[in-house]
Amino acid sequence: MTRPAAKGWCPGAYRPMHSGDGLIVRIRPHFARLSAEQALGLSQVSQRFGNGTIDLTSRSNLQIRGILETDYDALMTELEALKLLDEAPEIEARRNILVAPDWTQADETYALTTALTRQLGALPALPTKFGFAVDTGNAPMLTAASADIRIERDLSGALLLRADGAALGRPVTGETAVETVLDLAHWFAQNTKGQSLRMAQLLKTHPLPTVWCQTAPAETRNTLVPGPHPLGYVLGAAFGQIDAGAFETLIRCSGATGVRLTPWRLFMLETTASGPWQGFINHPEAATLNVSACPGAPACGAATVETRDLAYALSKHTTRSVHISGCSKGCALPRKAEITLVGRAGKFDLVRNGCSWDQPERSDLSETDVLTIADEIYHAL
């Protein structure tokens, strides 16, 4: 089945989105990194103006929820003071750039992200969800993350530009990569003719010219896991939800100089201290890392079921990958899971090894039914 069209958009700071619990304001930190001062400030404004939680998104961004319209201007003033806003709304809307979280200021990920950011104004008109991944470690680690144009490595270690959905890419250099990104973006825009498509969707009907399909990318390397890391310490946030008060305490107690965000509900403290720290996931085997869940009802007006309590309960019943979606759009996990539960009219549909918009094998399930079935699946596999 086809994924339902999103009725909203990717909310930014300049263009917040209404939801069931107020406005959603998305912050896109440069290089997916907050300084300690920015992290503390964001924690404080979330508690002051929002519902006290910060969402870590699948694009390494942060969202504050529950903002009253009467508080929006004051919030923006605070975000500007923290240097978390782009100068122009149109640049912020285009700056959908994922970066491999283990970058350093001396590497090509940093240099190419800087160069691409400077050229965002040269991009053609693109769908609001269109994005880029700059992933130039010794092998890509953002392969499963949402992006339409990827700068990564090939099997020899050279730079490669690859359209999402294509098995092969085009060799580039540090000097030609950004110019080639612009060329591919223009090819995409010319062939979509204003349709709200993503690159992988377009390639199903419009094959790339052969010049873009020459070289295979390197094998994907492992993503981060909670625990010590050469750059600091990695922690997880269950379902991507961060308690702002606990986050503020964490930054102060850890002595972190910064925080790096990831697409995997994980973030990295730049610190020499070693945890564990309360309120966050410290261990790679934590069951909640296998479970994805959107905010659900009543926070989201599109959802008809509560999701988070059931997600916690399911994490104790199975080690399988689980996705609980308040509706069929699948915002929390736009790809397959072994068990997908979709809210519909206050009950749940069950999809096995599929996405939230796929045909369910069972419908009209209560929470009790879901927990029983999860036990059955766990023991059968």
Protein backbone atom coordinates (compact mmCIF):
# COMPACT_ATOMS: atom_id res chain seq x y z
CA MET A 1 0.00 0.00 0.00
CA THR A 2 1.00 3.64 -0.47
CA ARG A 3 1.92 5.81 2.48
CA PRO A 4 -0.85 8.38 3.21
CA ALA A 5 -0.07 11.96 2.31
CA ALA A 6 0.98 14.03 5.32
CA LYS A 7 -1.60 16.72 6.09
CA GLY A 8 0.95 18.89 7.89
CA TRP A 9 4.53 19.78 7.14
CA CYS A 10 7.89 19.60 8.84
CA PRO A 11 7.44 22.30 11.48
CA GLY A 12 10.25 24.80 11.77
CA ALA A 13 10.90 27.64 14.15
CA TYR A 14 9.54 30.25 11.73
CA ARG A 15 6.67 28.02 10.66
CA PRO A 16 5.31 26.15 13.70
CA MET A 17 2.57 23.56 13.35
CA HIS A 18 -0.65 23.24 15.33
CA SER A 19 -1.18 19.97 17.16
CA GLY A 20 -3.46 18.63 19.84
CA ASP A 21 -1.33 20.07 22.64
CA GLY A 22 -0.49 23.45 21.10
CA LEU A 23 2.17 24.62 18.67
CA ILE A 24 5.12 22.43 17.68
CA VAL A 25 8.34 24.38 17.10
CA ARG A 26 11.27 22.55 15.51
CA ILE A 27 14.87 23.66 16.03
CA ARG A 28 17.53 22.67 13.51
CA PRO A 29 20.93 23.06 15.21
CA HIS A 30 23.86 23.53 12.84
CA PHE A 31 25.90 20.32 12.49
CA ALA A 32 23.20 18.71 14.72
CA ARG A 33 25.06 20.09 17.72
CA LEU A 34 24.13 22.26 20.69
CA SER A 35 26.70 24.04 22.80
CA ALA A 36 26.25 23.56 26.54
CA GLU A 37 24.80 27.08 26.75
CA GLN A 38 22.29 26.31 23.98
CA ALA A 39 21.31 22.98 25.57
CA LEU A 40 20.68 24.65 28.93
CA GLY A 41 18.75 27.50 27.32
CA LEU A 42 16.59 25.15 25.27
CA SER A 43 15.79 23.09 28.35
CA GLN A 44 14.71 26.23 30.18
CA VAL A 45 12.48 27.59 27.39
CA SER A 46 10.83 24.17 27.02
CA GLN A 47 9.91 24.26 30.70
CA ARG A 48 8.86 27.91 30.55
CA PHE A 49 6.86 28.00 27.33
CA GLY A 50 6.20 24.34 26.42
CA ASN A 51 5.06 21.13 28.07
CA GLY A 52 8.48 20.41 29.58
CA THR A 53 9.57 17.78 27.04
CA ILE A 54 11.89 18.01 24.06
CA ASP A 55 11.42 15.61 21.15
CA LEU A 56 14.51 14.25 19.35
CA THR A 57 13.45 13.66 15.75
CA SER A 58 14.58 11.17 13.11
CA ARG A 59 16.39 14.05 11.35
CA SER A 60 18.57 14.97 14.34
CA ASN A 61 16.42 17.98 15.12
CA LEU A 62 14.65 18.97 18.33
CA GLN A 63 11.02 19.90 18.86
CA ILE A 64 9.33 21.83 21.66
CA ARG A 65 5.64 21.00 22.02
CA GLY A 66 2.70 22.60 23.77
CA ILE A 67 3.52 26.22 22.93
CA LEU A 68 0.66 28.70 23.34
CA GLU A 69 0.22 31.10 20.43
CA THR A 70 0.47 33.99 22.89
CA ASP A 71 3.95 32.77 23.94
CA TYR A 72 5.32 32.18 20.46
CA ASP A 73 6.95 35.59 19.94
CA ALA A 74 8.64 35.44 23.36
CA LEU A 75 9.93 31.94 22.56
CA MET A 76 11.39 33.15 19.26
CA THR A 77 13.18 35.97 21.06
CA GLU A 78 14.78 33.41 23.38
CA LEU A 79 15.77 31.13 20.47
CA GLU A 80 17.34 34.06 18.63
CA ALA A 81 19.36 34.98 21.71
CA LEU A 82 20.60 31.37 21.85
CA LYS A 83 21.64 31.63 18.16
CA LEU A 84 19.34 28.75 17.23
CA LEU A 85 17.59 30.57 14.37
CA ASP A 86 18.67 31.11 10.78
CA GLU A 87 18.61 34.69 9.57
CA ALA A 88 16.01 33.90 6.90
CA PRO A 89 12.98 31.56 7.14
CA GLU A 90 13.57 30.26 3.60
CA ILE A 91 17.10 29.13 4.49
CA GLU A 92 15.92 27.40 7.65
CA ALA A 93 13.26 25.56 5.62
CA ARG A 94 15.92 24.27 3.20
CA ARG A 95 18.52 23.34 5.83
CA ASN A 96 17.50 19.70 6.12
CA ILE A 97 21.05 18.39 6.42
CA LEU A 98 21.85 15.22 8.33
CA VAL A 99 25.47 14.84 9.43
CA ALA A 100 27.26 11.77 10.75
CA PRO A 101 27.48 12.52 14.50
CA ASP A 102 31.17 11.60 14.86
CA TRP A 103 32.40 14.51 12.70
CA THR A 104 35.34 16.66 13.69
CA GLN A 105 36.15 20.18 12.52
CA ALA A 106 39.11 18.78 10.56
CA ASP A 107 37.16 16.26 8.47
CA GLU A 108 35.26 16.34 5.18
CA THR A 109 31.84 15.93 6.79
CA TYR A 110 32.34 19.29 8.52
CA ALA A 111 33.83 20.99 5.46
CA LEU A 112 31.16 19.75 3.05
CA THR A 113 28.29 20.55 5.43
CA THR A 114 29.66 24.09 5.74
CA ALA A 115 29.92 24.43 1.96
CA LEU A 116 26.44 22.98 1.35
CA THR A 117 24.90 25.31 3.92
CA ARG A 118 26.37 28.30 2.10
CA GLN A 119 24.79 27.15 -1.18
CA LEU A 120 21.24 26.46 0.07
CA GLY A 121 19.99 29.60 -1.64
CA ALA A 122 21.03 28.13 -5.01
CA LEU A 123 18.74 25.12 -4.65
CA PRO A 124 15.58 24.90 -6.77
CA ALA A 125 12.14 24.71 -5.19
CA LEU A 126 12.00 21.34 -3.40
CA PRO A 127 9.42 19.53 -1.24
CA THR A 128 9.58 20.57 2.41
CA LYS A 129 10.73 17.09 3.52
CA PHE A 130 13.56 16.88 0.93
CA GLY A 131 16.87 16.43 2.71
CA PHE A 132 20.59 15.75 2.44
CA ALA A 133 23.02 13.48 4.31
CA VAL A 134 26.71 14.28 4.67
CA ASP A 135 28.18 11.00 5.82
CA THR A 136 31.88 10.87 4.93
CA GLY A 137 33.40 8.69 7.63
CA ASN A 138 35.28 5.59 6.50
CA ALA A 139 31.87 4.09 5.67
CA PRO A 140 28.31 5.48 5.73
CA MET A 141 26.25 5.24 8.93
CA LEU A 142 23.16 7.23 7.85
CA THR A 143 22.01 4.80 5.17
CA ALA A 144 18.65 4.08 6.85
CA ALA A 145 18.05 7.70 7.88
CA SER A 146 15.79 9.99 5.86
CA ALA A 147 17.67 11.82 3.09
CA ASP A 148 17.26 12.28 -0.67
CA ILE A 149 20.82 13.11 -1.71
CA ARG A 150 23.77 11.51 0.08
CA ILE A 151 27.47 12.36 0.14
CA GLU A 152 29.32 9.25 1.38
CA ARG A 153 32.25 6.96 0.59
CA ASP A 154 32.65 4.29 -2.06
CA LEU A 155 34.41 0.96 -1.59
CA SER A 156 37.83 2.53 -2.24
CA GLY A 157 37.28 5.32 0.28
CA ALA A 158 36.71 8.04 -2.32
CA LEU A 159 33.80 10.47 -2.11
CA LEU A 160 30.53 9.45 -3.71
CA LEU A 161 27.30 11.32 -4.39
CA ARG A 162 24.26 9.01 -4.39
CA ALA A 163 20.56 9.59 -4.96
CA ASP A 164 18.45 7.89 -2.31
CA GLY A 165 16.92 4.74 -3.77
CA ALA A 166 19.80 4.22 -6.23
CA ALA A 167 22.22 1.35 -5.69
CA LEU A 168 25.11 3.23 -7.32
CA GLY A 169 26.37 6.78 -7.14
CA ARG A 170 28.59 9.32 -8.90
CA PRO A 171 32.24 9.87 -7.93
CA VAL A 172 32.96 13.41 -6.68
CA THR A 173 35.75 15.28 -4.92
CA GLY A 174 35.71 17.70 -2.04
CA GLU A 175 35.82 20.52 -4.60
CA THR A 176 33.00 19.23 -6.85
CA ALA A 177 30.62 17.59 -4.35
CA VAL A 178 28.38 20.56 -3.53
CA GLU A 179 28.12 21.69 -7.16
CA THR A 180 27.10 18.14 -8.06
CA VAL A 181 24.50 18.12 -5.27
CA LEU A 182 22.95 21.22 -6.85
CA ASP A 183 22.94 19.54 -10.27
CA LEU A 184 21.12 16.48 -8.90
CA ALA A 185 18.63 18.66 -7.02
CA HIS A 186 17.83 20.52 -10.24
CA TRP A 187 17.38 17.19 -12.10
CA PHE A 188 14.95 16.12 -9.38
CA ALA A 189 12.97 19.38 -9.55
CA GLN A 190 12.74 19.25 -13.34
CA ASN A 191 11.33 15.73 -13.27
CA THR A 192 8.91 16.08 -10.36
CA LYS A 193 7.32 19.22 -11.87
CA GLY A 194 6.11 20.46 -8.50
CA GLN A 195 4.82 17.14 -7.18
CA SER A 196 5.45 16.43 -3.49
CA LEU A 197 7.66 13.38 -4.03
CA ARG A 198 10.87 12.10 -2.47
CA MET A 199 13.89 10.99 -4.49
CA ALA A 200 13.33 7.24 -4.01
CA GLN A 201 9.72 7.63 -5.19
CA LEU A 202 10.78 9.52 -8.30
CA LEU A 203 13.38 6.91 -9.27
CA LYS A 204 10.67 4.26 -9.53
CA THR A 205 9.32 6.03 -12.63
CA HIS A 206 12.26 8.20 -13.78
CA PRO A 207 15.58 6.30 -13.95
CA LEU A 208 18.69 8.36 -13.32
CA PRO A 209 21.04 9.11 -16.22
CA THR A 210 23.97 6.68 -16.23
CA VAL A 211 26.43 9.37 -15.13
CA TRP A 212 24.82 9.22 -11.69
CA CYS A 213 25.06 5.43 -11.44
CA GLN A 214 28.72 4.44 -11.64
CA THR A 215 30.09 3.33 -8.26
CA ALA A 216 28.87 1.29 -5.29
CA PRO A 217 28.93 2.82 -1.81
CA ALA A 218 30.92 1.29 1.02
CA GLU A 219 29.15 -1.11 3.35
CA THR A 220 27.17 0.58 6.08
CA ARG A 221 28.97 0.75 9.42
CA ASN A 222 27.34 0.32 12.80
CA THR A 223 25.46 3.25 14.26
CA LEU A 224 26.11 4.54 17.76
CA VAL A 225 24.99 2.69 20.88
CA PRO A 226 24.58 3.96 24.44
CA GLY A 227 27.82 4.01 26.41
CA PRO A 228 31.33 5.51 26.22
CA HIS A 229 32.51 6.94 22.88
CA PRO A 230 35.85 8.50 21.85
CA LEU A 231 34.09 11.88 21.62
CA GLY A 232 32.19 11.55 24.89
CA TYR A 233 29.25 9.48 26.11
CA VAL A 234 26.17 8.32 24.19
CA LEU A 235 22.75 8.26 25.87
CA GLY A 236 19.31 7.22 24.66
CA ALA A 237 15.91 8.87 25.04
CA ALA A 238 12.97 6.48 25.14
CA PHE A 239 10.79 7.12 22.06
CA GLY A 240 12.91 10.23 21.41
CA GLN A 241 11.27 12.11 24.30
CA ILE A 242 13.60 14.08 26.58
CA ASP A 243 12.46 15.49 29.92
CA ALA A 244 13.70 19.08 29.80
CA GLY A 245 14.38 19.26 33.54
CA ALA A 246 16.39 16.04 33.51
CA PHE A 247 18.27 17.27 30.43
CA GLU A 248 19.22 20.51 32.18
CA THR A 249 20.48 18.56 35.20
CA LEU A 250 22.41 16.21 32.93
CA ILE A 251 24.25 19.03 31.16
CA ARG A 252 25.24 20.66 34.44
CA CYS A 253 26.30 17.45 36.23
CA SER A 254 28.21 15.93 33.31
CA GLY A 255 30.27 19.03 32.60
CA ALA A 256 29.46 18.57 28.91
CA THR A 257 30.73 21.21 26.51
CA GLY A 258 28.16 20.26 23.89
CA VAL A 259 25.53 17.78 22.76
CA ARG A 260 25.43 16.02 19.38
CA LEU A 261 22.09 14.79 18.07
CA THR A 262 21.41 11.66 16.01
CA PRO A 263 18.50 10.18 14.01
CA TRP A 264 18.31 7.12 16.32
CA ARG A 265 16.78 8.54 19.54
CA LEU A 266 20.34 8.86 20.86
CA PHE A 267 22.47 11.87 21.67
CA MET A 268 26.15 12.24 22.52
CA LEU A 269 27.49 14.31 25.40
CA GLU A 270 30.85 15.90 24.69
CA THR A 271 32.28 15.10 28.10
CA THR A 272 35.10 13.27 29.82
CA ALA A 273 32.77 12.13 32.60
CA SER A 274 31.39 8.60 32.64
CA GLY A 275 27.78 7.85 33.53
CA PRO A 276 25.44 6.31 34.11
CA TRP A 277 22.98 9.18 34.46
CA GLN A 278 19.41 8.80 35.65
CA GLY A 279 16.50 9.43 33.34
CA PHE A 280 18.24 8.29 30.15
CA ILE A 281 19.14 5.00 28.46
CA ASN A 282 22.71 4.02 29.34
CA HIS A 283 22.91 0.47 27.97
CA PRO A 284 22.79 -0.79 24.35
CA GLU A 285 20.56 -3.73 25.29
CA ALA A 286 17.77 -1.53 26.69
CA ALA A 287 14.47 -2.89 25.40
CA THR A 288 12.97 0.55 24.75
CA LEU A 289 15.53 1.14 22.01
CA ASN A 290 13.64 -1.41 19.90
CA VAL A 291 10.30 0.40 20.26
CA SER A 292 9.19 3.45 18.25
CA ALA A 293 6.09 5.42 19.21
CA CYS A 294 4.68 8.77 18.16
CA PRO A 295 3.14 11.12 20.77
CA GLY A 296 -0.33 9.69 20.07
CA ALA A 297 -3.58 11.03 21.47
CA PRO A 298 -4.35 13.56 22.82
CA ALA A 299 -1.07 15.30 21.87
CA CYS A 300 -1.66 14.70 18.15
CA GLY A 301 -5.03 15.46 16.63
CA ALA A 302 -4.59 12.78 13.95
CA ALA A 303 -4.23 9.98 16.54
CA THR A 304 -7.14 8.05 18.03
CA VAL A 305 -5.12 6.01 20.56
CA GLU A 306 -2.62 6.64 23.34
CA THR A 307 0.76 5.21 22.37
CA ARG A 308 3.50 5.76 24.94
CA ASP A 309 2.13 3.69 27.88
CA LEU A 310 1.53 0.75 25.56
CA ALA A 311 5.03 1.20 24.11
CA TYR A 312 6.58 0.90 27.57
CA ALA A 313 4.48 -2.19 28.28
CA LEU A 314 5.43 -3.83 24.98
CA SER A 315 9.13 -3.26 25.62
CA LYS A 316 8.77 -5.69 28.54
CA HIS A 317 7.00 -8.32 26.45
CA THR A 318 9.20 -8.65 23.37
CA THR A 319 12.68 -7.87 22.06
CA ARG A 320 11.37 -7.56 18.50
CA SER A 321 11.30 -4.23 16.68
CA VAL A 322 7.97 -2.59 17.46
CA HIS A 323 6.30 0.51 16.04
CA ILE A 324 3.18 2.03 17.58
CA SER A 325 1.59 4.69 15.39
CA GLY A 326 -1.39 6.78 16.41
CA CYS A 327 -2.56 6.80 12.78
CA SER A 328 -1.49 5.29 9.46
CA LYS A 329 1.02 8.04 8.56
CA GLY A 330 3.81 6.41 10.56
CA CYS A 331 5.63 9.60 11.61
CA ALA A 332 7.74 7.87 14.28
CA LEU A 333 9.08 5.17 11.95
CA PRO A 334 8.49 5.56 8.20
CA ARG A 335 9.82 2.06 7.45
CA LYS A 336 9.17 -1.57 8.35
CA ALA A 337 9.10 -3.06 11.85
CA GLU A 338 8.54 -6.66 12.89
CA ILE A 339 5.42 -5.62 14.80
CA THR A 340 3.54 -2.46 13.76
CA LEU A 341 0.41 -1.34 15.61
CA VAL A 342 -1.75 1.34 14.03
CA GLY A 343 -4.45 3.31 15.83
CA ARG A 344 -7.85 3.35 14.16
CA ALA A 345 -11.08 4.48 15.80
CA GLY A 346 -9.70 3.92 19.29
CA LYS A 347 -8.43 0.37 18.63
CA PHE A 348 -5.33 -1.10 16.95
CA ASP A 349 -4.57 -2.78 13.63
CA LEU A 350 -1.65 -5.24 13.53
CA VAL A 351 0.86 -5.30 10.65
CA ARG A 352 3.61 -7.93 10.65
CA ASN A 353 6.97 -7.08 9.03
CA GLY A 354 5.58 -3.98 7.41
CA CYS A 355 4.79 -0.27 7.67
CA SER A 356 1.90 1.52 9.32
CA TRP A 357 0.16 2.07 5.99
CA ASP A 358 0.35 -1.58 4.89
CA GLN A 359 -2.59 -4.00 4.92
CA PRO A 360 -3.11 -5.28 8.49
CA GLU A 361 -3.47 -8.98 9.25
CA ARG A 362 -5.65 -8.29 12.31
CA SER A 363 -7.87 -5.36 13.28
CA ASP A 364 -9.98 -3.94 16.09
CA LEU A 365 -7.55 -5.00 18.83
CA SER A 366 -7.62 -3.72 22.41
CA GLU A 367 -4.46 -3.04 24.42
CA THR A 368 -4.97 -6.37 26.21
CA ASP A 369 -5.24 -8.14 22.83
CA VAL A 370 -2.02 -6.44 21.70
CA LEU A 371 -0.03 -7.57 24.75
CA THR A 372 -1.27 -11.15 24.39
CA ILE A 373 -0.35 -11.23 20.69
CA ALA A 374 3.09 -9.76 21.43
CA ASP A 375 3.76 -12.63 23.84
CA GLU A 376 2.63 -15.16 21.22
CA ILE A 377 4.85 -13.63 18.53
CA TYR A 378 7.86 -13.49 20.85
CA HIS A 379 7.60 -17.19 21.74
CA ALA A 380 6.87 -18.25 18.15
CA LEU A 381 9.95 -16.60 16.65
